[in-house]
Amino acid sequence: MDRKDFLKSTFAMCGLAAIPTGILQSCSKQSYAAPSNVNFTIDLSQASNAALNSVGGYILSNGLIITRYNATTFTALSATCTHNGCTVYYNPTSMAITCPCHGGTFDANTGNVLGGPPPSGLTKYSVSKSGTILTIKS
């Protein structure tokens, strides 16, 4: 090996050593658990929950994303992406839930994966409505 090739190899190895291990590891294989033992209520008459009074509105509460899917349907899904643990958001235009970290998308009604790297869907919770009160349970 001549001096020029030796220096190229040495500098290349030094450059690789400087790369943070997080970049080399890329996406982790860790599993992200959805909230368990869920049992809470949301009062739709409170200003903090006003977004749920319109179709396409959503709020984050207790680790869940609650959406007004249509005129009569509310959904509650885990707000934690199953791919890398990022908090997801609802996109009313596409009627999908999106992860901002790696572009994973989920069906806003079922939580099923529509695209991207998530290994599994979002956990879905039971939602019932009585007057202005939503009850969300595991």
Protein backbone atom coordinates (compact mmCIF):
# COMPACT_ATOMS: atom_id res chain seq x y z
CA MET A 1 0.00 0.00 0.00
CA ASP A 2 1.47 3.36 -0.93
CA ARG A 3 1.45 6.43 1.32
CA LYS A 4 -1.53 8.05 -0.47
CA ASP A 5 -3.77 4.95 -0.05
CA PHE A 6 -2.67 4.57 3.57
CA LEU A 7 -3.63 8.18 4.37
CA LYS A 8 -7.02 7.81 2.61
CA SER A 9 -7.80 4.69 4.62
CA THR A 10 -6.67 6.24 7.89
CA PHE A 11 -8.72 9.41 7.39
CA ALA A 12 -11.76 7.38 6.37
CA MET A 13 -11.54 5.27 9.54
CA CYS A 14 -11.11 8.39 11.70
CA GLY A 15 -14.16 9.91 10.03
CA LEU A 16 -16.27 6.84 10.76
CA ALA A 17 -15.16 6.87 14.39
CA ALA A 18 -16.49 10.41 14.71
CA ILE A 19 -20.03 9.44 13.61
CA PRO A 20 -22.36 9.15 16.60
CA THR A 21 -23.49 5.61 17.33
CA GLY A 22 -27.13 6.71 17.14
CA ILE A 23 -26.75 7.40 13.44
CA LEU A 24 -25.07 4.05 12.79
CA GLN A 25 -27.76 2.19 14.73
CA SER A 26 -30.50 3.94 12.75
CA CYS A 27 -33.93 2.82 13.95
CA SER A 28 -34.16 0.75 17.08
CA LYS A 29 -35.95 -2.56 17.38
CA GLN A 30 -37.51 -1.52 20.69
CA SER A 31 -41.23 -1.99 21.18
CA TYR A 32 -43.29 0.97 22.38
CA ALA A 33 -46.14 0.04 24.69
CA ALA A 34 -49.51 1.74 24.49
CA PRO A 35 -51.16 3.01 27.68
CA SER A 36 -52.93 0.28 29.66
CA ASN A 37 -55.80 0.42 32.17
CA VAL A 38 -57.27 3.43 30.39
CA ASN A 39 -60.45 4.79 31.96
CA PHE A 40 -61.15 8.53 31.80
CA THR A 41 -63.73 11.04 30.59
CA ILE A 42 -63.63 14.15 28.44
CA ASP A 43 -66.23 16.89 28.72
CA LEU A 44 -66.92 18.27 25.25
CA SER A 45 -68.37 21.46 26.74
CA GLN A 46 -64.97 22.50 28.14
CA ALA A 47 -62.97 24.96 26.02
CA SER A 48 -59.86 22.75 26.16
CA ASN A 49 -61.78 20.03 24.30
CA ALA A 50 -63.54 22.29 21.77
CA ALA A 51 -61.61 20.78 18.84
CA LEU A 52 -63.68 17.60 19.25
CA ASN A 53 -66.90 19.48 18.51
CA SER A 54 -65.96 19.61 14.81
CA VAL A 55 -65.34 16.73 12.39
CA GLY A 56 -61.59 16.44 11.89
CA GLY A 57 -60.77 17.87 15.31
CA TYR A 58 -58.47 16.09 17.70
CA ILE A 59 -56.83 16.40 21.10
CA LEU A 60 -54.05 14.60 22.95
CA SER A 61 -55.01 13.38 26.40
CA ASN A 62 -53.56 10.77 28.76
CA GLY A 63 -51.21 9.40 26.10
CA LEU A 64 -54.01 9.00 23.55
CA ILE A 65 -55.03 10.86 20.42
CA ILE A 66 -58.81 11.34 20.40
CA THR A 67 -60.35 12.36 17.08
CA ARG A 68 -63.78 13.33 15.80
CA TYR A 69 -63.68 10.97 12.82
CA ASN A 70 -67.11 11.92 11.46
CA ALA A 71 -70.40 13.39 12.72
CA THR A 72 -71.11 10.41 14.98
CA THR A 73 -67.78 8.65 15.48
CA PHE A 74 -65.02 9.47 17.94
CA THR A 75 -61.86 7.36 18.02
CA ALA A 76 -59.17 6.98 20.66
CA LEU A 77 -55.79 5.56 19.70
CA SER A 78 -52.42 5.40 21.37
CA ALA A 79 -50.51 8.61 20.55
CA THR A 80 -47.16 6.77 20.53
CA CYS A 81 -45.82 5.54 17.21
CA THR A 82 -44.98 1.84 17.33
CA HIS A 83 -41.84 2.42 15.27
CA ASN A 84 -39.75 4.81 17.33
CA GLY A 85 -41.97 6.12 20.12
CA CYS A 86 -42.66 9.56 18.65
CA THR A 87 -45.95 11.34 19.35
CA VAL A 88 -48.28 11.13 16.35
CA TYR A 89 -50.76 13.71 15.08
CA TYR A 90 -54.02 13.64 13.12
CA ASN A 91 -54.17 15.02 9.58
CA PRO A 92 -57.85 15.79 8.84
CA THR A 93 -57.13 16.38 5.14
CA SER A 94 -55.91 12.82 4.59
CA MET A 95 -57.96 11.41 7.50
CA ALA A 96 -54.81 9.64 8.67
CA ILE A 97 -52.58 9.73 11.71
CA THR A 98 -49.00 10.59 10.89
CA CYS A 99 -45.71 10.19 12.70
CA PRO A 100 -43.42 13.20 12.18
CA CYS A 101 -40.22 11.24 12.90
CA HIS A 102 -40.10 8.77 10.00
CA GLY A 103 -43.32 9.36 8.06
CA GLY A 104 -45.32 6.39 9.30
CA THR A 105 -49.06 6.67 8.66
CA PHE A 106 -52.00 5.00 10.38
CA ASP A 107 -55.72 4.74 9.63
CA ALA A 108 -57.42 7.29 11.90
CA ASN A 109 -60.39 5.03 12.59
CA THR A 110 -58.74 1.63 13.11
CA GLY A 111 -55.12 2.51 13.94
CA ASN A 112 -53.87 0.08 11.26
CA VAL A 113 -50.56 0.88 9.54
CA LEU A 114 -51.05 2.50 6.11
CA GLY A 115 -47.41 3.10 5.28
CA GLY A 116 -43.88 3.69 6.46
CA PRO A 117 -41.75 1.80 8.95
CA PRO A 118 -44.12 1.15 11.91
CA PRO A 119 -44.13 -2.59 12.70
CA SER A 120 -47.71 -2.60 14.02
CA GLY A 121 -50.80 -0.46 14.34
CA LEU A 122 -51.79 1.90 17.12
CA THR A 123 -53.80 0.44 20.01
CA LYS A 124 -57.48 1.37 19.77
CA TYR A 125 -59.61 2.14 22.83
CA SER A 126 -63.36 2.09 23.40
CA VAL A 127 -65.15 5.45 23.19
CA SER A 128 -68.75 6.06 24.24
CA LYS A 129 -70.68 9.33 24.36
CA SER A 130 -73.40 10.38 26.76
CA GLY A 131 -74.53 13.99 26.37
CA THR A 132 -71.33 16.03 26.29
CA ILE A 133 -69.21 13.39 28.03
CA LEU A 134 -66.88 10.99 26.20
CA THR A 135 -65.76 7.95 28.15
CA ILE A 136 -62.56 6.28 26.97
CA LYS A 137 -61.64 2.80 28.23
CA SER A 138 -59.18 0.01 27.52
